[in-house]
Amino acid sequence: MAMAGIDARGFQLVLLRRMADFQPDRVEDAMRALGASRTEMREANRRWQAMVRSRRGPTGARRYSAVLGPAETVRDQPIGDLTCRAHRWPLDLWPDLRFEVVALPSGEVVQEWLVRDTDAPAPTLRDVSDLKPWSCVIDDVARAFAPATPLEGTAPSRWRLMFGAPDAEGRDGRFIADFTWGLLQRVTRADHDAAEASHTPC
């Protein structure tokens, strides 16, 4: 049995719970694919939070290994003057992606998000009409529409990017992409959303 009663299926429910704020229909479809109910999602999240807060539970990347099993890959990842370790796991819902946990030499986790698998082709992104929910991760958008500016997210599991790109009619504009656990959730025009982008969560 997985640590605290959570396995890879339950962990995916934890990720989906945060995404439901943006994409409830996609989350419902994903839950059906996992054969899960709303009750199971709430219980998985409760158990995950209990594990995170437990003083006796595993910490750092070991917490994820306790739930997801041994990492598929572990590699060095320089961040500034530090050499961190990036651990990656496959998840059934997103076969072209990997859940990545980046840990400092001390073991402290500094990043946890979905990234594109090294062997998976990046999507072709020409304008904002190509930015479909759940089709891209942060690096996909940042590379396609460089330079992109990171903005403060509205929760620990959320990130935002502001970037310039043509719309479907070829007109250039500024846009904000919202990501949950590194996965694209929505794109809005920056002139409509700039004020909200600077707000911090209550």
N, C-alpha and C. Protein backbone atom coordinates (compact mmCIF):
# COMPACT_ATOMS: atom_id res chain seq x y z
N MET A 1 0.85 -1.21 0.00
CA MET A 1 0.00 0.00 0.00
C MET A 1 0.88 1.25 0.00
N ALA A 2 0.49 2.28 -0.75
CA ALA A 2 1.26 3.51 -0.82
C ALA A 2 1.19 4.25 0.50
N MET A 3 2.17 5.12 0.72
CA MET A 3 2.25 5.90 1.94
C MET A 3 0.96 6.67 2.18
N ALA A 4 0.44 6.60 3.42
CA ALA A 4 -0.76 7.34 3.84
C ALA A 4 -1.98 6.99 2.99
N GLY A 5 -1.95 5.81 2.34
CA GLY A 5 -3.10 5.41 1.54
C GLY A 5 -3.22 6.12 0.22
N ILE A 6 -2.17 6.78 -0.26
CA ILE A 6 -2.22 7.50 -1.53
C ILE A 6 -1.28 6.80 -2.51
N ASP A 7 -1.76 6.58 -3.72
CA ASP A 7 -0.93 6.03 -4.77
C ASP A 7 -0.92 7.01 -5.94
N ALA A 8 -0.41 6.57 -7.09
CA ALA A 8 -0.32 7.47 -8.25
C ALA A 8 -1.69 7.96 -8.69
N ARG A 9 -2.69 7.09 -8.62
CA ARG A 9 -4.05 7.49 -8.99
C ARG A 9 -4.53 8.60 -8.06
N GLY A 10 -4.35 8.42 -6.76
CA GLY A 10 -4.76 9.43 -5.80
C GLY A 10 -4.00 10.73 -5.98
N PHE A 11 -2.72 10.63 -6.31
CA PHE A 11 -1.92 11.85 -6.50
C PHE A 11 -2.45 12.64 -7.69
N GLN A 12 -2.86 11.95 -8.75
CA GLN A 12 -3.42 12.66 -9.89
C GLN A 12 -4.72 13.36 -9.52
N LEU A 13 -5.49 12.77 -8.61
CA LEU A 13 -6.70 13.43 -8.13
C LEU A 13 -6.36 14.71 -7.37
N VAL A 14 -5.25 14.68 -6.63
CA VAL A 14 -4.79 15.89 -5.93
C VAL A 14 -4.48 16.99 -6.93
N LEU A 15 -3.80 16.65 -8.02
CA LEU A 15 -3.49 17.65 -9.04
C LEU A 15 -4.77 18.18 -9.70
N LEU A 16 -5.70 17.27 -9.98
CA LEU A 16 -6.94 17.67 -10.64
C LEU A 16 -7.77 18.62 -9.79
N ARG A 17 -7.73 18.44 -8.50
CA ARG A 17 -8.56 19.27 -7.62
C ARG A 17 -8.24 20.75 -7.79
N ARG A 18 -6.99 21.08 -7.95
CA ARG A 18 -6.60 22.48 -8.18
C ARG A 18 -6.99 22.96 -9.57
N MET A 19 -6.96 22.05 -10.53
CA MET A 19 -7.28 22.44 -11.91
C MET A 19 -8.77 22.67 -12.11
N ALA A 20 -9.59 22.12 -11.24
CA ALA A 20 -11.05 22.24 -11.39
C ALA A 20 -11.52 23.68 -11.32
N ASP A 21 -10.76 24.57 -10.70
CA ASP A 21 -11.15 25.98 -10.64
C ASP A 21 -11.18 26.60 -12.03
N PHE A 22 -10.33 26.12 -12.92
CA PHE A 22 -10.24 26.66 -14.28
C PHE A 22 -10.97 25.80 -15.30
N GLN A 23 -10.82 24.48 -15.18
CA GLN A 23 -11.31 23.57 -16.22
C GLN A 23 -12.16 22.45 -15.62
N PRO A 24 -13.33 22.78 -15.07
CA PRO A 24 -14.15 21.74 -14.41
C PRO A 24 -14.58 20.63 -15.35
N ASP A 25 -14.88 20.94 -16.61
CA ASP A 25 -15.32 19.90 -17.54
C ASP A 25 -14.19 18.92 -17.86
N ARG A 26 -12.99 19.45 -18.08
CA ARG A 26 -11.85 18.58 -18.34
C ARG A 26 -11.53 17.72 -17.12
N VAL A 27 -11.67 18.30 -15.95
CA VAL A 27 -11.41 17.54 -14.73
C VAL A 27 -12.42 16.41 -14.58
N GLU A 28 -13.68 16.69 -14.89
CA GLU A 28 -14.70 15.64 -14.83
C GLU A 28 -14.35 14.50 -15.78
N ASP A 29 -13.91 14.83 -16.99
CA ASP A 29 -13.53 13.79 -17.95
C ASP A 29 -12.35 12.98 -17.43
N ALA A 30 -11.38 13.67 -16.83
CA ALA A 30 -10.20 12.99 -16.29
C ALA A 30 -10.57 12.08 -15.13
N MET A 31 -11.50 12.54 -14.29
CA MET A 31 -11.94 11.71 -13.17
C MET A 31 -12.62 10.44 -13.67
N ARG A 32 -13.41 10.58 -14.74
CA ARG A 32 -14.05 9.39 -15.32
C ARG A 32 -13.00 8.43 -15.87
N ALA A 33 -11.95 8.99 -16.48
CA ALA A 33 -10.87 8.14 -17.00
C ALA A 33 -10.18 7.37 -15.87
N LEU A 34 -10.11 7.98 -14.69
CA LEU A 34 -9.50 7.32 -13.53
C LEU A 34 -10.50 6.47 -12.76
N GLY A 35 -11.77 6.57 -13.14
CA GLY A 35 -12.80 5.84 -12.42
C GLY A 35 -12.98 6.34 -11.00
N ALA A 36 -12.87 7.67 -10.83
CA ALA A 36 -12.90 8.28 -9.50
C ALA A 36 -14.11 9.17 -9.32
N SER A 37 -14.50 9.36 -8.06
CA SER A 37 -15.62 10.21 -7.70
C SER A 37 -15.12 11.47 -7.01
N ARG A 38 -16.03 12.44 -6.83
CA ARG A 38 -15.69 13.65 -6.09
C ARG A 38 -15.28 13.32 -4.66
N THR A 39 -15.96 12.36 -4.07
CA THR A 39 -15.62 11.96 -2.71
C THR A 39 -14.19 11.43 -2.64
N GLU A 40 -13.80 10.62 -3.62
CA GLU A 40 -12.44 10.10 -3.66
C GLU A 40 -11.43 11.23 -3.85
N MET A 41 -11.78 12.23 -4.66
CA MET A 41 -10.88 13.36 -4.86
C MET A 41 -10.66 14.11 -3.55
N ARG A 42 -11.73 14.38 -2.82
CA ARG A 42 -11.59 15.08 -1.54
C ARG A 42 -10.78 14.27 -0.55
N GLU A 43 -11.00 12.96 -0.53
CA GLU A 43 -10.28 12.11 0.41
C GLU A 43 -8.80 12.02 0.04
N ALA A 44 -8.49 11.95 -1.25
CA ALA A 44 -7.10 11.93 -1.68
C ALA A 44 -6.40 13.22 -1.29
N ASN A 45 -7.09 14.34 -1.46
CA ASN A 45 -6.49 15.62 -1.09
C ASN A 45 -6.29 15.70 0.42
N ARG A 46 -7.27 15.20 1.19
CA ARG A 46 -7.13 15.22 2.65
C ARG A 46 -5.92 14.40 3.09
N ARG A 47 -5.76 13.23 2.50
CA ARG A 47 -4.64 12.36 2.89
C ARG A 47 -3.30 12.96 2.47
N TRP A 48 -3.29 13.57 1.29
CA TRP A 48 -2.04 14.21 0.84
C TRP A 48 -1.66 15.36 1.77
N GLN A 49 -2.62 16.20 2.13
CA GLN A 49 -2.33 17.32 3.02
C GLN A 49 -1.86 16.82 4.38
N ALA A 50 -2.47 15.74 4.86
CA ALA A 50 -2.05 15.18 6.15
C ALA A 50 -0.61 14.68 6.07
N MET A 51 -0.26 14.08 4.95
CA MET A 51 1.10 13.59 4.75
C MET A 51 2.10 14.75 4.69
N VAL A 52 1.74 15.82 3.98
CA VAL A 52 2.62 16.98 3.85
C VAL A 52 2.86 17.63 5.20
N ARG A 53 1.84 17.67 6.05
CA ARG A 53 1.95 18.36 7.34
C ARG A 53 2.51 17.48 8.45
N SER A 54 2.60 16.19 8.20
CA SER A 54 3.06 15.28 9.24
C SER A 54 4.54 15.48 9.54
N ARG A 55 4.88 15.53 10.81
CA ARG A 55 6.29 15.66 11.20
C ARG A 55 7.04 14.35 11.01
N ARG A 56 6.30 13.25 10.94
CA ARG A 56 6.95 11.94 10.82
C ARG A 56 6.97 11.42 9.39
N GLY A 57 6.29 12.11 8.49
CA GLY A 57 6.24 11.65 7.11
C GLY A 57 7.51 11.96 6.35
N PRO A 58 7.70 11.35 5.19
CA PRO A 58 8.87 11.63 4.36
C PRO A 58 8.86 13.07 3.86
N THR A 59 10.02 13.62 3.62
CA THR A 59 10.15 15.00 3.16
C THR A 59 10.88 15.03 1.82
N GLY A 60 10.88 16.23 1.21
CA GLY A 60 11.59 16.40 -0.05
C GLY A 60 11.09 15.47 -1.13
N ALA A 61 11.97 15.06 -2.02
CA ALA A 61 11.59 14.17 -3.12
C ALA A 61 11.15 12.80 -2.62
N ARG A 62 11.59 12.41 -1.40
CA ARG A 62 11.18 11.11 -0.87
C ARG A 62 9.68 11.03 -0.65
N ARG A 63 9.04 12.17 -0.39
CA ARG A 63 7.59 12.19 -0.22
C ARG A 63 6.90 11.72 -1.50
N TYR A 64 7.41 12.16 -2.64
CA TYR A 64 6.81 11.79 -3.91
C TYR A 64 7.13 10.35 -4.28
N SER A 65 8.34 9.90 -3.94
CA SER A 65 8.68 8.50 -4.18
C SER A 65 7.79 7.57 -3.37
N ALA A 66 7.40 8.03 -2.15
CA ALA A 66 6.54 7.21 -1.30
C ALA A 66 5.17 7.01 -1.93
N VAL A 67 4.75 7.96 -2.76
CA VAL A 67 3.42 7.91 -3.40
C VAL A 67 3.50 7.36 -4.82
N LEU A 68 4.51 7.79 -5.58
CA LEU A 68 4.59 7.48 -7.00
C LEU A 68 5.57 6.35 -7.32
N GLY A 69 6.33 5.91 -6.33
CA GLY A 69 7.35 4.90 -6.58
C GLY A 69 8.66 5.54 -6.99
N PRO A 70 9.66 4.74 -7.32
CA PRO A 70 10.95 5.31 -7.73
C PRO A 70 10.81 6.22 -8.95
N ALA A 71 11.56 7.30 -8.96
CA ALA A 71 11.51 8.22 -10.09
C ALA A 71 11.97 7.52 -11.37
N GLU A 72 11.34 7.89 -12.48
CA GLU A 72 11.74 7.34 -13.78
C GLU A 72 13.13 7.81 -14.15
N THR A 73 13.40 9.09 -13.88
CA THR A 73 14.73 9.66 -14.13
C THR A 73 15.10 10.59 -12.98
N VAL A 74 16.40 10.67 -12.70
CA VAL A 74 16.95 11.63 -11.74
C VAL A 74 18.19 12.22 -12.38
N ARG A 75 18.26 13.55 -12.44
CA ARG A 75 19.41 14.17 -13.08
C ARG A 75 19.78 15.45 -12.35
N ASP A 76 21.02 15.87 -12.53
CA ASP A 76 21.47 17.14 -11.97
C ASP A 76 20.85 18.28 -12.76
N GLN A 77 20.50 19.35 -12.02
CA GLN A 77 19.94 20.54 -12.67
C GLN A 77 20.53 21.77 -11.99
N PRO A 78 21.43 22.48 -12.67
CA PRO A 78 22.01 23.69 -12.08
C PRO A 78 20.97 24.78 -11.91
N ILE A 79 20.98 25.40 -10.75
CA ILE A 79 20.17 26.59 -10.49
C ILE A 79 21.09 27.60 -9.83
N GLY A 80 21.51 28.60 -10.59
CA GLY A 80 22.50 29.55 -10.07
C GLY A 80 23.80 28.81 -9.79
N ASP A 81 24.31 28.97 -8.57
CA ASP A 81 25.56 28.32 -8.17
C ASP A 81 25.33 26.93 -7.58
N LEU A 82 24.07 26.52 -7.47
CA LEU A 82 23.74 25.24 -6.85
C LEU A 82 23.52 24.16 -7.90
N THR A 83 23.84 22.95 -7.55
CA THR A 83 23.51 21.80 -8.39
C THR A 83 22.37 21.05 -7.71
N CYS A 84 21.18 21.22 -8.26
CA CYS A 84 19.99 20.58 -7.70
C CYS A 84 19.76 19.24 -8.38
N ARG A 85 18.76 18.51 -7.90
CA ARG A 85 18.41 17.22 -8.47
C ARG A 85 16.96 17.27 -8.94
N ALA A 86 16.75 16.91 -10.20
CA ALA A 86 15.42 16.90 -10.78
C ALA A 86 14.95 15.45 -10.90
N HIS A 87 13.84 15.15 -10.23
CA HIS A 87 13.25 13.81 -10.24
C HIS A 87 11.98 13.87 -11.08
N ARG A 88 11.77 12.86 -11.96
CA ARG A 88 10.60 12.87 -12.83
C ARG A 88 9.86 11.54 -12.78
N TRP A 89 8.51 11.67 -12.79
CA TRP A 89 7.64 10.51 -12.77
C TRP A 89 6.60 10.60 -13.90
N PRO A 90 6.25 9.49 -14.53
CA PRO A 90 5.15 9.49 -15.50
C PRO A 90 3.80 9.43 -14.78
N LEU A 91 2.78 10.00 -15.40
CA LEU A 91 1.42 9.94 -14.89
C LEU A 91 0.48 9.52 -16.02
N ASP A 92 -0.49 8.68 -15.70
CA ASP A 92 -1.36 8.12 -16.73
C ASP A 92 -2.14 9.18 -17.50
N LEU A 93 -2.60 10.23 -16.81
CA LEU A 93 -3.46 11.22 -17.45
C LEU A 93 -2.75 12.04 -18.52
N TRP A 94 -1.44 12.21 -18.37
CA TRP A 94 -0.68 13.06 -19.30
C TRP A 94 0.55 12.29 -19.78
N PRO A 95 0.39 11.36 -20.71
CA PRO A 95 1.51 10.49 -21.11
C PRO A 95 2.69 11.22 -21.72
N ASP A 96 2.49 12.41 -22.30
CA ASP A 96 3.60 13.16 -22.89
C ASP A 96 4.31 14.04 -21.88
N LEU A 97 3.81 14.06 -20.66
CA LEU A 97 4.39 14.92 -19.63
C LEU A 97 4.98 14.07 -18.51
N ARG A 98 5.73 14.73 -17.64
CA ARG A 98 6.26 14.10 -16.45
C ARG A 98 6.05 15.05 -15.27
N PHE A 99 5.81 14.49 -14.08
CA PHE A 99 5.75 15.33 -12.90
C PHE A 99 7.17 15.45 -12.38
N GLU A 100 7.64 16.69 -12.32
CA GLU A 100 9.04 16.96 -11.95
C GLU A 100 9.11 17.61 -10.58
N VAL A 101 10.01 17.11 -9.76
CA VAL A 101 10.30 17.69 -8.46
C VAL A 101 11.78 18.05 -8.44
N VAL A 102 12.08 19.32 -8.22
CA VAL A 102 13.46 19.80 -8.18
C VAL A 102 13.81 20.08 -6.72
N ALA A 103 14.88 19.44 -6.25
CA ALA A 103 15.27 19.57 -4.84
C ALA A 103 16.67 20.17 -4.73
N LEU A 104 16.85 21.03 -3.73
CA LEU A 104 18.15 21.59 -3.41
C LEU A 104 19.07 20.50 -2.84
N PRO A 105 20.39 20.75 -2.78
CA PRO A 105 21.28 19.77 -2.15
C PRO A 105 20.86 19.42 -0.72
N SER A 106 20.19 20.35 -0.03
CA SER A 106 19.72 20.10 1.33
C SER A 106 18.52 19.16 1.36
N GLY A 107 17.91 18.91 0.20
CA GLY A 107 16.72 18.08 0.11
C GLY A 107 15.43 18.87 0.00
N GLU A 108 15.48 20.17 0.26
CA GLU A 108 14.28 21.00 0.19
C GLU A 108 13.80 21.11 -1.26
N VAL A 109 12.49 20.95 -1.46
CA VAL A 109 11.90 21.03 -2.79
C VAL A 109 11.67 22.49 -3.16
N VAL A 110 12.15 22.88 -4.32
CA VAL A 110 11.97 24.26 -4.78
C VAL A 110 11.05 24.36 -5.99
N GLN A 111 10.72 23.23 -6.61
CA GLN A 111 9.82 23.24 -7.75
C GLN A 111 9.12 21.90 -7.85
N GLU A 112 7.81 21.94 -8.15
CA GLU A 112 7.03 20.72 -8.34
C GLU A 112 5.95 21.03 -9.36
N TRP A 113 6.07 20.44 -10.55
CA TRP A 113 5.16 20.78 -11.62
C TRP A 113 5.24 19.76 -12.74
N LEU A 114 4.32 19.88 -13.69
CA LEU A 114 4.32 19.05 -14.88
C LEU A 114 5.20 19.69 -15.95
N VAL A 115 6.05 18.87 -16.55
CA VAL A 115 6.93 19.33 -17.63
C VAL A 115 6.80 18.35 -18.80
N ARG A 116 7.24 18.78 -19.97
CA ARG A 116 7.16 17.88 -21.12
C ARG A 116 8.26 16.83 -21.04
N ASP A 117 7.89 15.59 -21.37
CA ASP A 117 8.86 14.51 -21.39
C ASP A 117 9.92 14.80 -22.43
N THR A 118 11.15 14.45 -22.13
CA THR A 118 12.27 14.72 -23.02
C THR A 118 12.04 14.15 -24.42
N ASP A 119 11.40 12.99 -24.51
CA ASP A 119 11.19 12.33 -25.80
C ASP A 119 9.90 12.74 -26.50
N ALA A 120 9.08 13.57 -25.86
CA ALA A 120 7.80 13.97 -26.46
C ALA A 120 7.98 15.25 -27.27
N PRO A 121 7.44 15.31 -28.48
CA PRO A 121 7.58 16.53 -29.29
C PRO A 121 6.79 17.69 -28.68
N ALA A 122 7.38 18.87 -28.75
CA ALA A 122 6.68 20.06 -28.27
C ALA A 122 5.57 20.43 -29.25
N PRO A 123 4.48 21.01 -28.76
CA PRO A 123 3.40 21.41 -29.66
C PRO A 123 3.83 22.58 -30.55
N THR A 124 3.20 22.68 -31.72
CA THR A 124 3.44 23.80 -32.62
C THR A 124 2.56 24.97 -32.18
N LEU A 125 3.20 26.06 -31.78
CA LEU A 125 2.46 27.22 -31.26
C LEU A 125 2.80 28.43 -32.13
N ARG A 126 1.82 28.86 -32.94
CA ARG A 126 2.04 30.00 -33.83
C ARG A 126 1.36 31.26 -33.32
N ASP A 127 0.16 31.10 -32.75
CA ASP A 127 -0.57 32.24 -32.20
C ASP A 127 -1.40 31.75 -31.02
N VAL A 128 -2.13 32.65 -30.38
CA VAL A 128 -2.82 32.27 -29.15
C VAL A 128 -3.94 31.26 -29.38
N SER A 129 -4.42 31.13 -30.61
CA SER A 129 -5.46 30.13 -30.85
C SER A 129 -4.92 28.71 -30.71
N ASP A 130 -3.60 28.55 -30.76
CA ASP A 130 -2.99 27.23 -30.56
C ASP A 130 -2.86 26.87 -29.09
N LEU A 131 -3.09 27.82 -28.21
CA LEU A 131 -2.91 27.59 -26.77
C LEU A 131 -4.20 27.03 -26.17
N LYS A 132 -4.41 25.76 -26.37
CA LYS A 132 -5.60 25.09 -25.84
C LYS A 132 -5.32 24.63 -24.41
N PRO A 133 -6.35 24.66 -23.55
CA PRO A 133 -6.16 24.18 -22.18
C PRO A 133 -5.61 22.75 -22.15
N TRP A 134 -4.64 22.54 -21.28
CA TRP A 134 -3.99 21.25 -21.03
C TRP A 134 -3.09 20.81 -22.19
N SER A 135 -2.86 21.67 -23.19
CA SER A 135 -2.04 21.28 -24.33
C SER A 135 -0.57 21.64 -24.15
N CYS A 136 -0.27 22.53 -23.21
CA CYS A 136 1.08 23.07 -23.07
C CYS A 136 1.51 23.13 -21.62
N VAL A 137 2.81 23.11 -21.42
CA VAL A 137 3.38 23.41 -20.11
C VAL A 137 4.09 24.76 -20.19
N ILE A 138 4.55 25.23 -19.05
CA ILE A 138 5.13 26.58 -18.99
C ILE A 138 6.26 26.76 -20.00
N ASP A 139 7.16 25.80 -20.07
CA ASP A 139 8.31 25.96 -20.96
C ASP A 139 7.89 26.01 -22.42
N ASP A 140 6.84 25.28 -22.80
CA ASP A 140 6.35 25.33 -24.18
C ASP A 140 5.98 26.76 -24.58
N VAL A 141 5.23 27.42 -23.71
CA VAL A 141 4.75 28.78 -24.01
C VAL A 141 5.90 29.77 -23.94
N ALA A 142 6.76 29.64 -22.93
CA ALA A 142 7.87 30.57 -22.79
C ALA A 142 8.81 30.52 -23.98
N ARG A 143 9.03 29.34 -24.52
CA ARG A 143 9.91 29.20 -25.68
C ARG A 143 9.25 29.71 -26.96
N ALA A 144 7.97 29.41 -27.13
CA ALA A 144 7.28 29.77 -28.38
C ALA A 144 7.08 31.28 -28.49
N PHE A 145 6.87 31.95 -27.35
CA PHE A 145 6.54 33.38 -27.38
C PHE A 145 7.50 34.18 -26.51
N ALA A 146 8.78 33.88 -26.66
CA ALA A 146 9.81 34.62 -25.92
C ALA A 146 9.90 36.06 -26.43
N PRO A 147 10.24 37.00 -25.53
CA PRO A 147 10.46 36.79 -24.11
C PRO A 147 9.13 36.84 -23.33
N ALA A 148 8.96 35.92 -22.41
CA ALA A 148 7.77 35.89 -21.56
C ALA A 148 8.15 36.34 -20.16
N THR A 149 7.23 37.04 -19.51
CA THR A 149 7.49 37.59 -18.18
C THR A 149 6.72 36.82 -17.12
N PRO A 150 7.40 36.19 -16.16
CA PRO A 150 6.67 35.50 -15.09
C PRO A 150 5.93 36.50 -14.20
N LEU A 151 4.72 36.16 -13.80
CA LEU A 151 3.93 36.96 -12.88
C LEU A 151 3.62 36.13 -11.65
N GLU A 152 3.25 36.82 -10.59
CA GLU A 152 2.90 36.11 -9.36
C GLU A 152 1.62 35.31 -9.55
N GLY A 153 1.63 34.07 -9.12
CA GLY A 153 0.45 33.23 -9.21
C GLY A 153 -0.53 33.54 -8.10
N THR A 154 -1.72 32.95 -8.19
CA THR A 154 -2.76 33.20 -7.20
C THR A 154 -2.80 32.13 -6.12
N ALA A 155 -1.92 31.12 -6.21
CA ALA A 155 -1.83 30.06 -5.20
C ALA A 155 -0.49 29.38 -5.39
N PRO A 156 -0.01 28.62 -4.39
CA PRO A 156 1.30 27.98 -4.51
C PRO A 156 1.44 27.06 -5.73
N SER A 157 0.37 26.46 -6.19
CA SER A 157 0.46 25.53 -7.32
C SER A 157 0.18 26.22 -8.66
N ARG A 158 0.10 27.54 -8.67
CA ARG A 158 -0.25 28.26 -9.89
C ARG A 158 0.86 29.21 -10.31
N TRP A 159 1.00 29.32 -11.63
CA TRP A 159 1.98 30.23 -12.23
C TRP A 159 1.28 31.01 -13.33
N ARG A 160 1.89 32.16 -13.68
CA ARG A 160 1.35 32.97 -14.78
C ARG A 160 2.51 33.48 -15.62
N LEU A 161 2.26 33.62 -16.92
CA LEU A 161 3.21 34.21 -17.84
C LEU A 161 2.51 35.30 -18.64
N MET A 162 3.19 36.44 -18.80
CA MET A 162 2.73 37.47 -19.72
C MET A 162 3.63 37.44 -20.95
N PHE A 163 3.03 37.51 -22.12
CA PHE A 163 3.82 37.41 -23.34
C PHE A 163 3.11 38.12 -24.48
N GLY A 164 3.87 38.42 -25.51
CA GLY A 164 3.31 38.99 -26.72
C GLY A 164 3.16 37.91 -27.79
N ALA A 165 2.05 37.96 -28.53
CA ALA A 165 1.79 36.96 -29.57
C ALA A 165 0.70 37.47 -30.49
N PRO A 166 0.66 36.96 -31.72
CA PRO A 166 -0.46 37.29 -32.60
C PRO A 166 -1.71 36.50 -32.20
N ASP A 167 -2.88 37.11 -32.43
CA ASP A 167 -4.12 36.37 -32.21
C ASP A 167 -4.47 35.61 -33.49
N ALA A 168 -5.63 34.99 -33.52
CA ALA A 168 -6.00 34.16 -34.67
C ALA A 168 -6.10 34.96 -35.96
N GLU A 169 -6.33 36.28 -35.84
CA GLU A 169 -6.41 37.15 -37.03
C GLU A 169 -5.07 37.76 -37.39
N GLY A 170 -4.01 37.39 -36.66
CA GLY A 170 -2.69 37.91 -36.95
C GLY A 170 -2.37 39.24 -36.30
N ARG A 171 -3.24 39.73 -35.41
CA ARG A 171 -2.99 41.00 -34.74
C ARG A 171 -2.19 40.76 -33.47
N ASP A 172 -1.10 41.50 -33.31
CA ASP A 172 -0.25 41.34 -32.13
C ASP A 172 -0.95 41.86 -30.88
N GLY A 173 -0.73 41.20 -29.78
CA GLY A 173 -1.31 41.62 -28.51
C GLY A 173 -0.50 41.08 -27.35
N ARG A 174 -0.88 41.50 -26.15
CA ARG A 174 -0.27 41.00 -24.93
C ARG A 174 -1.27 40.09 -24.24
N PHE A 175 -0.79 38.95 -23.75
CA PHE A 175 -1.66 37.94 -23.17
C PHE A 175 -1.08 37.42 -21.87
N ILE A 176 -1.96 36.85 -21.05
CA ILE A 176 -1.54 36.21 -19.80
C ILE A 176 -2.02 34.77 -19.83
N ALA A 177 -1.09 33.84 -19.61
CA ALA A 177 -1.41 32.42 -19.54
C ALA A 177 -1.39 31.98 -18.08
N ASP A 178 -2.44 31.29 -17.67
CA ASP A 178 -2.53 30.74 -16.32
C ASP A 178 -2.23 29.25 -16.35
N PHE A 179 -1.39 28.80 -15.42
CA PHE A 179 -1.00 27.41 -15.32
C PHE A 179 -1.29 26.89 -13.91
N THR A 180 -1.71 25.65 -13.81
CA THR A 180 -1.84 24.97 -12.53
C THR A 180 -0.96 23.73 -12.58
N TRP A 181 -0.09 23.58 -11.58
CA TRP A 181 0.92 22.50 -11.58
C TRP A 181 1.69 22.49 -12.90
N GLY A 182 1.91 23.67 -13.49
CA GLY A 182 2.69 23.78 -14.71
C GLY A 182 1.94 23.55 -15.99
N LEU A 183 0.65 23.16 -15.92
CA LEU A 183 -0.14 22.83 -17.10
C LEU A 183 -1.06 24.00 -17.46
N LEU A 184 -1.10 24.36 -18.74
CA LEU A 184 -1.90 25.50 -19.18
C LEU A 184 -3.38 25.30 -18.88
N GLN A 185 -4.00 26.33 -18.30
CA GLN A 185 -5.44 26.29 -17.98
C GLN A 185 -6.25 27.27 -18.82
N ARG A 186 -5.72 28.48 -19.02
CA ARG A 186 -6.47 29.46 -19.80
C ARG A 186 -5.52 30.56 -20.26
N VAL A 187 -5.95 31.32 -21.27
CA VAL A 187 -5.21 32.47 -21.78
C VAL A 187 -6.19 33.64 -21.87
N THR A 188 -5.80 34.79 -21.34
CA THR A 188 -6.63 36.00 -21.39
C THR A 188 -5.79 37.16 -21.91
N ARG A 189 -6.46 38.17 -22.42
CA ARG A 189 -5.75 39.37 -22.86
C ARG A 189 -5.22 40.13 -21.66
N ALA A 190 -3.98 40.58 -21.75
CA ALA A 190 -3.35 41.26 -20.63
C ALA A 190 -4.05 42.56 -20.27
N ASP A 191 -4.61 43.26 -21.27
CA ASP A 191 -5.27 44.53 -20.97
C ASP A 191 -6.55 44.31 -20.18
N HIS A 192 -7.11 43.10 -20.24
CA HIS A 192 -8.30 42.79 -19.44
C HIS A 192 -7.93 42.27 -18.07
N ASP A 193 -6.69 41.74 -17.93
CA ASP A 193 -6.36 40.94 -16.76
C ASP A 193 -5.16 41.47 -15.98
N ALA A 194 -4.57 42.59 -16.42
CA ALA A 194 -3.33 43.05 -15.80
C ALA A 194 -3.51 43.39 -14.33
N ALA A 195 -4.62 44.00 -14.00
CA ALA A 195 -4.83 44.36 -12.60
C ALA A 195 -4.93 43.12 -11.72
N GLU A 196 -5.66 42.12 -12.18
CA GLU A 196 -5.81 40.88 -11.42
C GLU A 196 -4.47 40.16 -11.28
N ALA A 197 -3.60 40.27 -12.30
CA ALA A 197 -2.34 39.56 -12.27
C ALA A 197 -1.46 39.94 -11.10
N SER A 198 -1.60 41.15 -10.61
CA SER A 198 -0.74 41.62 -9.52
C SER A 198 -1.33 41.31 -8.16
N HIS A 199 -2.54 40.79 -8.06
CA HIS A 199 -3.17 40.52 -6.78
C HIS A 199 -2.55 39.29 -6.14
N THR A 200 -2.46 39.29 -4.84
CA THR A 200 -2.01 38.12 -4.10
C THR A 200 -3.21 37.45 -3.46
N PRO A 201 -3.14 36.12 -3.21
CA PRO A 201 -4.28 35.43 -2.62
C PRO A 201 -4.57 35.91 -1.22
N CYS A 202 -5.87 35.91 -0.87
CA CYS A 202 -6.26 36.32 0.49
C CYS A 202 -5.88 35.24 1.47
